[in-house]
Structure formats: C-alpha cells, structure tokens
C-alpha cells in the first residue's frame, strides 16, 4: 500500500518499525491505551495509527478493551511474551535458581504467568518426595483460590481490578475457597500489604502454597514464583517460614529479566 504523503512528512519512524513500536508502547503502558495517546506518543498521523491498529487487531497482536476504543495485548502478543520468557538462555538460568530453591526447601516450585482466565504454569521443578501434587507445565489454575492467582490480582490497579472482579466467577474448588467478592478483596488487600500470597487448601484439599511476585523493569508483576506442598509435610504456617528463601529466589529470577 502506498504511503500517505502525511506519513512521510510527519512521521520520522521507518515504516517497517511502526507496528513494532506501537506494540511495544501498548506492552509498556500496562493498561489499555487509546489510539490518540499512541499517535501523540509516537508522533504518527491518526489515519496511519488507525490503519496499523486495525492490522494489529486483525492479526491478534492487540485487542480492544471493554470500552471499545482502547487497545491492550492480544492473544499472539501474550503468547510471544510467554515464549520470550521461556527463551533458552533465560530459562536455563531460571531453572537453575528454581532447582536450588526446591532442593533447599524440599518442595515443588512453580513459575506462573497470568493468562486470560487464570494463571498458567510456565516452569516447574519437582520435589524428590514420592507424595507430590501433579500440576504440569501448561496447567491453568483459577485466579481466586491459588497463591499465584491472588498475587496477580493484588497487583492490579483499582480500576483494572474492578473490571476483572465484575466478570470473575468465584467457583469453589474446595470448602475453603473464597467465593465472596468482598472477602476476596480483603484477602487481596492483605496480600498487597505483606508482599506475598497464600493458598490454605483453597485450590486443592491437602495442599498449601505461598507465592512471591516477580516484576518487570517498570515494577509491574510479570510472573509469580510459588512453593506448594502436601499439608502432611508442611501446613501453611510451616511454608510461610520458607518465605525468605522464596523471596530471595524470586529476586534472582527478577534480575534475569532485567539483564
């Protein structure tokens, strides 16, 4: 398609970089971004911005927010982010850190990232114990009753959390699952204030877990690192005593993402 003359005169960004920079800016913002804001930030004409956003949406890299105007990451961009996190060099170093943690605490460690409808396990290092919880890489678990999910929800801005809570279905997984939205908000406030999250047999009977956040260079939650164990070996109180080791490992993984 021929370039508009206005593009040539007003836009200083090479044509083949424009869509990449739009996607980068949406990812950097961390919240849905209006086309006019993107046009002003990147210095592109609004017709050009509209055309590029339509292309990005049609190809699944961006998707419209609930307001019908702003744009956020689409399925292909989320998949790209996950694949980037799992790149061989970073993943090898990450697994070394996770294995050291699993060996130190003697329990299974998981790395999870938010998906559209729950937390998705990206990496896992198993404990040596015969009795262990089987949740393989790729498993998606609910937001409301898992340590990783509650850690993610607690990191959201108030307006984003309100939107998520409006459609979130609090399906009980066990008798201990939080199914009341007001009680969940209280739990998220506690999680936010103390900097770690818990799962006291809320997702699975007989399993407890704690999770710590791993943030990106902008200070936003990227993934979570968690330890879980059968309560026959460690109840929640015992797991919380392992929090310093968990947080130290999370900080080391966080530093890999910033290199």
C-alpha atoms as a PDB file:
ATOM      1  CA  UNK A   1       0.000   0.000   0.000  1.00  0.00           C
ATOM      2  CA  UNK A   2       1.480   3.419  -0.919  1.00  0.00           C
ATOM      3  CA  UNK A   3       2.443   5.648   1.976  1.00  0.00           C
ATOM      4  CA  UNK A   4       0.327   8.726   2.649  1.00  0.00           C
ATOM      5  CA  UNK A   5       2.230  11.926   1.978  1.00  0.00           C
ATOM      6  CA  UNK A   6       1.331  12.995   5.518  1.00  0.00           C
ATOM      7  CA  UNK A   7       3.119   9.906   6.823  1.00  0.00           C
ATOM      8  CA  UNK A   8       6.286  10.846   5.005  1.00  0.00           C
ATOM      9  CA  UNK A   9       6.164  14.456   6.151  1.00  0.00           C
ATOM     10  CA  UNK A  10       5.079  13.988   9.762  1.00  0.00           C
ATOM     11  CA  UNK A  11       6.319  10.552  10.732  1.00  0.00           C
ATOM     12  CA  UNK A  12      10.010  10.097  11.349  1.00  0.00           C
ATOM     13  CA  UNK A  13       9.684   6.386  12.198  1.00  0.00           C
ATOM     14  CA  UNK A  14      10.617   3.972   9.387  1.00  0.00           C
ATOM     15  CA  UNK A  15       7.556   2.234   8.003  1.00  0.00           C
ATOM     16  CA  UNK A  16       8.747  -1.241   8.926  1.00  0.00           C
ATOM     17  CA  UNK A  17       9.188  -0.240  12.589  1.00  0.00           C
ATOM     18  CA  UNK A  18       5.869   1.490  13.219  1.00  0.00           C
ATOM     19  CA  UNK A  19       3.765  -1.531  14.102  1.00  0.00           C
ATOM     20  CA  UNK A  20       6.519  -2.905  16.337  1.00  0.00           C
ATOM     21  CA  UNK A  21       6.783   0.372  18.223  1.00  0.00           C
ATOM     22  CA  UNK A  22       3.005   0.524  18.691  1.00  0.00           C
ATOM     23  CA  UNK A  23       3.005  -2.988  20.160  1.00  0.00           C
ATOM     24  CA  UNK A  24       5.972  -2.085  22.365  1.00  0.00           C
ATOM     25  CA  UNK A  25       4.196   1.023  23.658  1.00  0.00           C
ATOM     26  CA  UNK A  26       0.983  -0.889  24.456  1.00  0.00           C
ATOM     27  CA  UNK A  27       3.002  -3.523  26.337  1.00  0.00           C
ATOM     28  CA  UNK A  28       4.992  -0.851  28.174  1.00  0.00           C
ATOM     29  CA  UNK A  29       1.895   1.076  29.257  1.00  0.00           C
ATOM     30  CA  UNK A  30       0.469  -1.883  31.141  1.00  0.00           C
ATOM     31  CA  UNK A  31      -3.082  -0.549  30.708  1.00  0.00           C
ATOM     32  CA  UNK A  32      -5.335  -0.209  27.633  1.00  0.00           C
ATOM     33  CA  UNK A  33      -4.166   2.746  25.509  1.00  0.00           C
ATOM     34  CA  UNK A  34      -6.315   4.999  23.330  1.00  0.00           C
ATOM     35  CA  UNK A  35      -5.301   5.485  19.646  1.00  0.00           C
ATOM     36  CA  UNK A  36      -4.974   9.246  20.160  1.00  0.00           C
ATOM     37  CA  UNK A  37      -2.484   8.700  23.002  1.00  0.00           C
ATOM     38  CA  UNK A  38      -0.458   6.300  20.854  1.00  0.00           C
ATOM     39  CA  UNK A  39      -0.473   8.753  17.941  1.00  0.00           C
ATOM     40  CA  UNK A  40       0.774  11.579  20.168  1.00  0.00           C
ATOM     41  CA  UNK A  41       3.400   9.426  21.890  1.00  0.00           C
ATOM     42  CA  UNK A  42       4.869   8.080  18.659  1.00  0.00           C
ATOM     43  CA  UNK A  43       4.303  11.176  16.558  1.00  0.00           C
ATOM     44  CA  UNK A  44       2.279   9.385  13.882  1.00  0.00           C
ATOM     45  CA  UNK A  45      -0.725  10.746  11.971  1.00  0.00           C
ATOM     46  CA  UNK A  46      -4.054   9.491  13.294  1.00  0.00           C
ATOM     47  CA  UNK A  47      -5.091   7.855   9.964  1.00  0.00           C
ATOM     48  CA  UNK A  48      -1.824   5.905   9.948  1.00  0.00           C
ATOM     49  CA  UNK A  49      -2.301   4.906  13.585  1.00  0.00           C
ATOM     50  CA  UNK A  50      -5.845   3.733  12.896  1.00  0.00           C
ATOM     51  CA  UNK A  51      -4.707   1.614   9.945  1.00  0.00           C
ATOM     52  CA  UNK A  52      -1.905  -0.015  11.928  1.00  0.00           C
ATOM     53  CA  UNK A  53      -4.142  -0.728  14.919  1.00  0.00           C
ATOM     54  CA  UNK A  54      -6.714  -2.412  12.690  1.00  0.00           C
ATOM     55  CA  UNK A  55      -3.971  -4.627  11.265  1.00  0.00           C
ATOM     56  CA  UNK A  56      -2.618  -5.482  14.735  1.00  0.00           C
ATOM     57  CA  UNK A  57      -6.117  -6.330  15.958  1.00  0.00           C
ATOM     58  CA  UNK A  58      -6.977  -8.468  12.922  1.00  0.00           C
ATOM     59  CA  UNK A  59      -3.735 -10.436  13.364  1.00  0.00           C
ATOM     60  CA  UNK A  60      -4.302 -10.967  17.091  1.00  0.00           C
ATOM     61  CA  UNK A  61      -1.376  -8.932  18.438  1.00  0.00           C
ATOM     62  CA  UNK A  62      -3.665  -6.339  20.031  1.00  0.00           C
ATOM     63  CA  UNK A  63      -7.272  -6.433  21.174  1.00  0.00           C
ATOM     64  CA  UNK A  64      -9.790  -3.760  22.085  1.00  0.00           C
ATOM     65  CA  UNK A  65     -10.577  -3.123  25.701  1.00  0.00           C
ATOM     66  CA  UNK A  66     -14.111  -3.234  27.094  1.00  0.00           C
ATOM     67  CA  UNK A  67     -14.558   0.472  26.280  1.00  0.00           C
ATOM     68  CA  UNK A  68     -14.371  -0.420  22.576  1.00  0.00           C
ATOM     69  CA  UNK A  69     -11.727   2.230  21.868  1.00  0.00           C
ATOM     70  CA  UNK A  70      -8.523   1.486  23.781  1.00  0.00           C
ATOM     71  CA  UNK A  71      -6.124  -1.332  22.930  1.00  0.00           C
ATOM     72  CA  UNK A  72      -4.294  -3.899  25.039  1.00  0.00           C
ATOM     73  CA  UNK A  73      -2.219  -7.035  24.334  1.00  0.00           C
ATOM     74  CA  UNK A  74      -3.915  -9.675  22.177  1.00  0.00           C
ATOM     75  CA  UNK A  75      -3.504 -13.450  22.237  1.00  0.00           C
ATOM     76  CA  UNK A  76      -0.474 -13.507  19.924  1.00  0.00           C
ATOM     77  CA  UNK A  77       1.343 -10.831  21.902  1.00  0.00           C
ATOM     78  CA  UNK A  78       0.688 -12.725  25.152  1.00  0.00           C
ATOM     79  CA  UNK A  79       1.969 -15.911  23.534  1.00  0.00           C
ATOM     80  CA  UNK A  80       5.025 -14.023  22.280  1.00  0.00           C
ATOM     81  CA  UNK A  81       5.686 -12.743  25.802  1.00  0.00           C
ATOM     82  CA  UNK A  82       5.482 -16.277  27.189  1.00  0.00           C
ATOM     83  CA  UNK A  83       7.801 -17.643  24.532  1.00  0.00           C
ATOM     84  CA  UNK A  84      10.257 -14.826  25.198  1.00  0.00           C
ATOM     85  CA  UNK A  85      10.228 -15.633  28.908  1.00  0.00           C
ATOM     86  CA  UNK A  86      10.952 -19.237  28.021  1.00  0.00           C
ATOM     87  CA  UNK A  87      13.881 -18.464  25.729  1.00  0.00           C
ATOM     88  CA  UNK A  88      16.643 -20.990  26.241  1.00  0.00           C
ATOM     89  CA  UNK A  89      19.292 -18.879  27.978  1.00  0.00           C
ATOM     90  CA  UNK A  90      16.948 -17.213  30.433  1.00  0.00           C
ATOM     91  CA  UNK A  91      15.023 -20.435  31.027  1.00  0.00           C
ATOM     92  CA  UNK A  92      18.187 -22.406  31.769  1.00  0.00           C
ATOM     93  CA  UNK A  93      19.302 -19.881  34.381  1.00  0.00           C
ATOM     94  CA  UNK A  94      15.801 -19.661  35.790  1.00  0.00           C
ATOM     95  CA  UNK A  95      15.537 -23.417  36.207  1.00  0.00           C
ATOM     96  CA  UNK A  96      18.901 -23.495  37.994  1.00  0.00           C
ATOM     97  CA  UNK A  97      17.547 -20.957  40.504  1.00  0.00           C
ATOM     98  CA  UNK A  98      14.285 -22.866  40.897  1.00  0.00           C
ATOM     99  CA  UNK A  99      16.087 -26.180  41.392  1.00  0.00           C
ATOM    100  CA  UNK A 100      18.287 -24.634  44.082  1.00  0.00           C
ATOM    101  CA  UNK A 101      15.146 -23.382  45.831  1.00  0.00           C
ATOM    102  CA  UNK A 102      13.392 -26.749  45.513  1.00  0.00           C
ATOM    103  CA  UNK A 103      16.456 -28.515  46.927  1.00  0.00           C
ATOM    104  CA  UNK A 104      16.721 -26.026  49.801  1.00  0.00           C
ATOM    105  CA  UNK A 105      13.085 -26.197  50.908  1.00  0.00           C
ATOM    106  CA  UNK A 106      12.474 -29.775  49.777  1.00  0.00           C
ATOM    107  CA  UNK A 107       9.236 -28.977  47.944  1.00  0.00           C
ATOM    108  CA  UNK A 108       7.953 -28.271  44.424  1.00  0.00           C
ATOM    109  CA  UNK A 109       8.429 -24.800  42.903  1.00  0.00           C
ATOM    110  CA  UNK A 110       6.317 -23.249  40.126  1.00  0.00           C
ATOM    111  CA  UNK A 111       6.641 -20.216  37.903  1.00  0.00           C
ATOM    112  CA  UNK A 112       3.279 -18.916  36.659  1.00  0.00           C
ATOM    113  CA  UNK A 113       2.087 -16.054  34.457  1.00  0.00           C
ATOM    114  CA  UNK A 114      -1.407 -14.571  34.087  1.00  0.00           C
ATOM    115  CA  UNK A 115      -3.490 -15.851  31.184  1.00  0.00           C
ATOM    116  CA  UNK A 116      -6.931 -14.688  30.138  1.00  0.00           C
ATOM    117  CA  UNK A 117      -8.875 -16.871  32.571  1.00  0.00           C
ATOM    118  CA  UNK A 118      -6.301 -17.974  35.141  1.00  0.00           C
ATOM    119  CA  UNK A 119      -2.635 -18.425  35.950  1.00  0.00           C
ATOM    120  CA  UNK A 120      -0.619 -20.604  33.566  1.00  0.00           C
ATOM    121  CA  UNK A 121       2.385 -22.627  34.756  1.00  0.00           C
ATOM    122  CA  UNK A 122       5.458 -21.758  32.684  1.00  0.00           C
ATOM    123  CA  UNK A 123       8.065 -23.783  34.585  1.00  0.00           C
ATOM    124  CA  UNK A 124       8.146 -26.320  37.374  1.00  0.00           C
ATOM    125  CA  UNK A 125      10.775 -28.116  39.441  1.00  0.00           C
ATOM    126  CA  UNK A 126       9.530 -31.168  41.299  1.00  0.00           C
ATOM    127  CA  UNK A 127      10.343 -32.270  44.815  1.00  0.00           C
ATOM    128  CA  UNK A 128      12.064 -35.623  45.296  1.00  0.00           C
ATOM    129  CA  UNK A 129       9.252 -36.874  47.547  1.00  0.00           C
ATOM    130  CA  UNK A 130       7.029 -39.678  46.128  1.00  0.00           C
ATOM    131  CA  UNK A 131       3.960 -37.855  47.532  1.00  0.00           C
ATOM    132  CA  UNK A 132       3.580 -34.687  45.472  1.00  0.00           C
ATOM    133  CA  UNK A 133       0.934 -32.651  43.660  1.00  0.00           C
ATOM    134  CA  UNK A 134       0.879 -33.161  39.879  1.00  0.00           C
ATOM    135  CA  UNK A 135       0.318 -29.835  38.092  1.00  0.00           C
ATOM    136  CA  UNK A 136       2.406 -29.932  34.885  1.00  0.00           C
ATOM    137  CA  UNK A 137       3.698 -27.018  32.801  1.00  0.00           C
ATOM    138  CA  UNK A 138       0.822 -25.539  30.791  1.00  0.00           C
ATOM    139  CA  UNK A 139      -1.752 -26.132  33.529  1.00  0.00           C
ATOM    140  CA  UNK A 140      -4.140 -23.197  34.024  1.00  0.00           C
ATOM    141  CA  UNK A 141      -5.404 -22.606  37.569  1.00  0.00           C
ATOM    142  CA  UNK A 142      -8.005 -20.129  38.886  1.00  0.00           C
ATOM    143  CA  UNK A 143      -7.174 -16.598  39.990  1.00  0.00           C
ATOM    144  CA  UNK A 144      -9.270 -16.519  43.150  1.00  0.00           C
ATOM    145  CA  UNK A 145      -8.173 -19.623  45.045  1.00  0.00           C
ATOM    146  CA  UNK A 146      -4.468 -20.033  44.242  1.00  0.00           C
ATOM    147  CA  UNK A 147      -1.456 -18.265  45.725  1.00  0.00           C
ATOM    148  CA  UNK A 148      -0.220 -17.247  42.268  1.00  0.00           C
ATOM    149  CA  UNK A 149      -3.646 -16.004  41.197  1.00  0.00           C
ATOM    150  CA  UNK A 150      -4.206 -13.915  44.305  1.00  0.00           C
ATOM    151  CA  UNK A 151      -0.707 -12.456  43.935  1.00  0.00           C
ATOM    152  CA  UNK A 152      -1.597 -11.353  40.412  1.00  0.00           C
ATOM    153  CA  UNK A 153      -4.990  -9.909  41.366  1.00  0.00           C
ATOM    154  CA  UNK A 154      -3.425  -7.967  44.243  1.00  0.00           C
ATOM    155  CA  UNK A 155      -1.037  -6.286  41.795  1.00  0.00           C
ATOM    156  CA  UNK A 156      -3.773  -4.787  39.601  1.00  0.00           C
ATOM    157  CA  UNK A 157      -4.675  -1.114  39.650  1.00  0.00           C
ATOM    158  CA  UNK A 158      -8.014  -0.385  41.296  1.00  0.00           C
ATOM    159  CA  UNK A 159      -9.841   0.272  38.004  1.00  0.00           C
ATOM    160  CA  UNK A 160      -8.463  -2.885  36.356  1.00  0.00           C
ATOM    161  CA  UNK A 161      -9.257  -4.977  39.428  1.00  0.00           C
ATOM    162  CA  UNK A 162     -12.838  -3.659  39.365  1.00  0.00           C
ATOM    163  CA  UNK A 163     -13.202  -4.777  35.742  1.00  0.00           C
ATOM    164  CA  UNK A 164     -11.749  -8.211  36.444  1.00  0.00           C
ATOM    165  CA  UNK A 165     -13.909  -8.666  39.543  1.00  0.00           C
ATOM    166  CA  UNK A 166     -17.014  -7.768  37.535  1.00  0.00           C
ATOM    167  CA  UNK A 167     -16.669 -10.892  35.375  1.00  0.00           C
ATOM    168  CA  UNK A 168     -14.653 -13.175  37.657  1.00  0.00           C
ATOM    169  CA  UNK A 169     -16.624 -16.254  38.683  1.00  0.00           C
ATOM    170  CA  UNK A 170     -15.603 -17.434  42.149  1.00  0.00           C
ATOM    171  CA  UNK A 171     -16.160 -21.127  41.611  1.00  0.00           C
ATOM    172  CA  UNK A 172     -15.345 -23.122  44.759  1.00  0.00           C
ATOM    173  CA  UNK A 173     -12.610 -25.713  44.343  1.00  0.00           C
ATOM    174  CA  UNK A 174     -12.675 -26.831  47.980  1.00  0.00           C
ATOM    175  CA  UNK A 175     -14.670 -25.960  51.094  1.00  0.00           C
ATOM    176  CA  UNK A 176     -12.002 -23.327  51.894  1.00  0.00           C
ATOM    177  CA  UNK A 177     -12.207 -21.461  48.556  1.00  0.00           C
ATOM    178  CA  UNK A 178     -13.138 -17.781  48.800  1.00  0.00           C
ATOM    179  CA  UNK A 179     -16.444 -17.361  46.961  1.00  0.00           C
ATOM    180  CA  UNK A 180     -17.451 -13.931  48.277  1.00  0.00           C
ATOM    181  CA  UNK A 181     -16.059 -10.959  46.347  1.00  0.00           C
ATOM    182  CA  UNK A 182     -15.858  -8.690  49.397  1.00  0.00           C
ATOM    183  CA  UNK A 183     -13.851 -11.321  51.279  1.00  0.00           C
ATOM    184  CA  UNK A 184     -11.615 -11.774  48.250  1.00  0.00           C
ATOM    185  CA  UNK A 185     -10.947  -8.026  48.146  1.00  0.00           C
ATOM    186  CA  UNK A 186      -9.972  -8.175  51.822  1.00  0.00           C
ATOM    187  CA  UNK A 187      -7.594 -11.037  51.077  1.00  0.00           C
ATOM    188  CA  UNK A 188      -6.075  -9.117  48.160  1.00  0.00           C
ATOM    189  CA  UNK A 189      -5.550  -6.034  50.337  1.00  0.00           C
ATOM    190  CA  UNK A 190      -3.732  -8.196  52.903  1.00  0.00           C
ATOM    191  CA  UNK A 191      -1.649  -9.767  50.129  1.00  0.00           C
ATOM    192  CA  UNK A 192      -0.759  -6.342  48.751  1.00  0.00           C
ATOM    193  CA  UNK A 193       0.341  -5.041  52.147  1.00  0.00           C
ATOM    194  CA  UNK A 194       2.538  -8.003  53.112  1.00  0.00           C
ATOM    195  CA  UNK A 195       4.017  -8.717  49.662  1.00  0.00           C
ATOM    196  CA  UNK A 196       3.233 -12.425  49.417  1.00  0.00           C
ATOM    197  CA  UNK A 197       0.143 -14.587  48.915  1.00  0.00           C
ATOM    198  CA  UNK A 198      -1.133 -17.858  50.312  1.00  0.00           C
ATOM    199  CA  UNK A 199      -3.336 -20.819  49.456  1.00  0.00           C
ATOM    200  CA  UNK A 200      -4.550 -22.671  52.542  1.00  0.00           C
ATOM    201  CA  UNK A 201      -6.156 -25.736  50.904  1.00  0.00           C
ATOM    202  CA  UNK A 202      -8.305 -23.373  48.817  1.00  0.00           C
ATOM    203  CA  UNK A 203      -7.476 -24.828  45.405  1.00  0.00           C
ATOM    204  CA  UNK A 204      -6.917 -28.453  46.336  1.00  0.00           C
ATOM    205  CA  UNK A 205      -7.689 -30.374  49.505  1.00  0.00           C
ATOM    206  CA  UNK A 206      -4.500 -31.286  51.293  1.00  0.00           C
ATOM    207  CA  UNK A 207      -2.291 -28.713  49.516  1.00  0.00           C
ATOM    208  CA  UNK A 208      -0.904 -25.414  50.816  1.00  0.00           C
ATOM    209  CA  UNK A 209       1.112 -22.834  48.885  1.00  0.00           C
ATOM    210  CA  UNK A 210       2.810 -19.447  49.103  1.00  0.00           C
ATOM    211  CA  UNK A 211       3.786 -17.173  46.220  1.00  0.00           C
ATOM    212  CA  UNK A 212       6.025 -14.144  45.667  1.00  0.00           C
ATOM    213  CA  UNK A 213       5.919 -11.649  42.779  1.00  0.00           C
ATOM    214  CA  UNK A 214       8.497 -11.299  40.009  1.00  0.00           C
ATOM    215  CA  UNK A 215       8.325  -7.817  38.476  1.00  0.00           C
ATOM    216  CA  UNK A 216       9.446  -6.266  35.222  1.00  0.00           C
ATOM    217  CA  UNK A 217      11.670  -3.211  34.795  1.00  0.00           C
ATOM    218  CA  UNK A 218       8.605  -0.960  35.236  1.00  0.00           C
ATOM    219  CA  UNK A 219       7.773  -2.519  38.612  1.00  0.00           C
ATOM    220  CA  UNK A 220       4.734  -4.424  37.318  1.00  0.00           C
ATOM    221  CA  UNK A 221       4.024  -8.047  38.093  1.00  0.00           C
ATOM    222  CA  UNK A 222       5.385 -10.272  35.343  1.00  0.00           C
ATOM    223  CA  UNK A 223       5.199 -13.758  36.849  1.00  0.00           C
ATOM    224  CA  UNK A 224       4.934 -15.405  40.256  1.00  0.00           C
ATOM    225  CA  UNK A 225       7.187 -17.914  41.988  1.00  0.00           C
ATOM    226  CA  UNK A 226       5.489 -20.302  44.369  1.00  0.00           C
ATOM    227  CA  UNK A 227       6.153 -23.244  46.646  1.00  0.00           C
ATOM    228  CA  UNK A 228       3.444 -25.780  47.308  1.00  0.00           C
ATOM    229  CA  UNK A 229       3.358 -28.904  49.426  1.00  0.00           C
ATOM    230  CA  UNK A 230       1.016 -31.539  50.838  1.00  0.00           C
ATOM    231  CA  UNK A 231      -0.124 -30.439  54.290  1.00  0.00           C
ATOM    232  CA  UNK A 232       1.025 -33.808  55.625  1.00  0.00           C
ATOM    233  CA  UNK A 233       4.549 -32.394  55.335  1.00  0.00           C
ATOM    234  CA  UNK A 234       4.053 -28.626  55.583  1.00  0.00           C
ATOM    235  CA  UNK A 235       0.967 -26.746  56.628  1.00  0.00           C
ATOM    236  CA  UNK A 236       0.615 -23.105  55.639  1.00  0.00           C
ATOM    237  CA  UNK A 237       2.380 -21.830  58.757  1.00  0.00           C
ATOM    238  CA  UNK A 238       5.381 -24.046  58.017  1.00  0.00           C
ATOM    239  CA  UNK A 239       5.506 -22.875  54.403  1.00  0.00           C
ATOM    240  CA  UNK A 240       5.481 -19.225  55.454  1.00  0.00           C
ATOM    241  CA  UNK A 241       8.716 -19.887  57.354  1.00  0.00           C
ATOM    242  CA  UNK A 242      10.264 -20.582  53.908  1.00  0.00           C
ATOM    243  CA  UNK A 243       9.288 -17.102  52.671  1.00  0.00           C
ATOM    244  CA  UNK A 244      12.846 -15.643  52.876  1.00  0.00           C
ATOM    245  CA  UNK A 245      14.198 -18.374  50.590  1.00  0.00           C
ATOM    246  CA  UNK A 246      11.278 -17.899  48.187  1.00  0.00           C
ATOM    247  CA  UNK A 247      11.725 -14.131  48.028  1.00  0.00           C
ATOM    248  CA  UNK A 248      15.482 -14.452  47.509  1.00  0.00           C
ATOM    249  CA  UNK A 249      14.925 -16.813  44.562  1.00  0.00           C
ATOM    250  CA  UNK A 250      12.227 -14.533  43.118  1.00  0.00           C
ATOM    251  CA  UNK A 251      14.638 -11.578  43.286  1.00  0.00           C
ATOM    252  CA  UNK A 252      17.307 -13.578  41.431  1.00  0.00           C
ATOM    253  CA  UNK A 253      14.854 -14.529  38.673  1.00  0.00           C
ATOM    254  CA  UNK A 254      13.671 -10.926  38.509  1.00  0.00           C
ATOM    255  CA  UNK A 255      17.241  -9.790  37.866  1.00  0.00           C
ATOM    256  CA  UNK A 256      17.460 -12.148  34.853  1.00  0.00           C
ATOM    257  CA  UNK A 257      14.516 -10.389  33.228  1.00  0.00           C
ATOM    258  CA  UNK A 258      16.248  -7.019  33.617  1.00  0.00           C
ATOM    259  CA  UNK A 259      19.624  -8.033  32.116  1.00  0.00           C
END
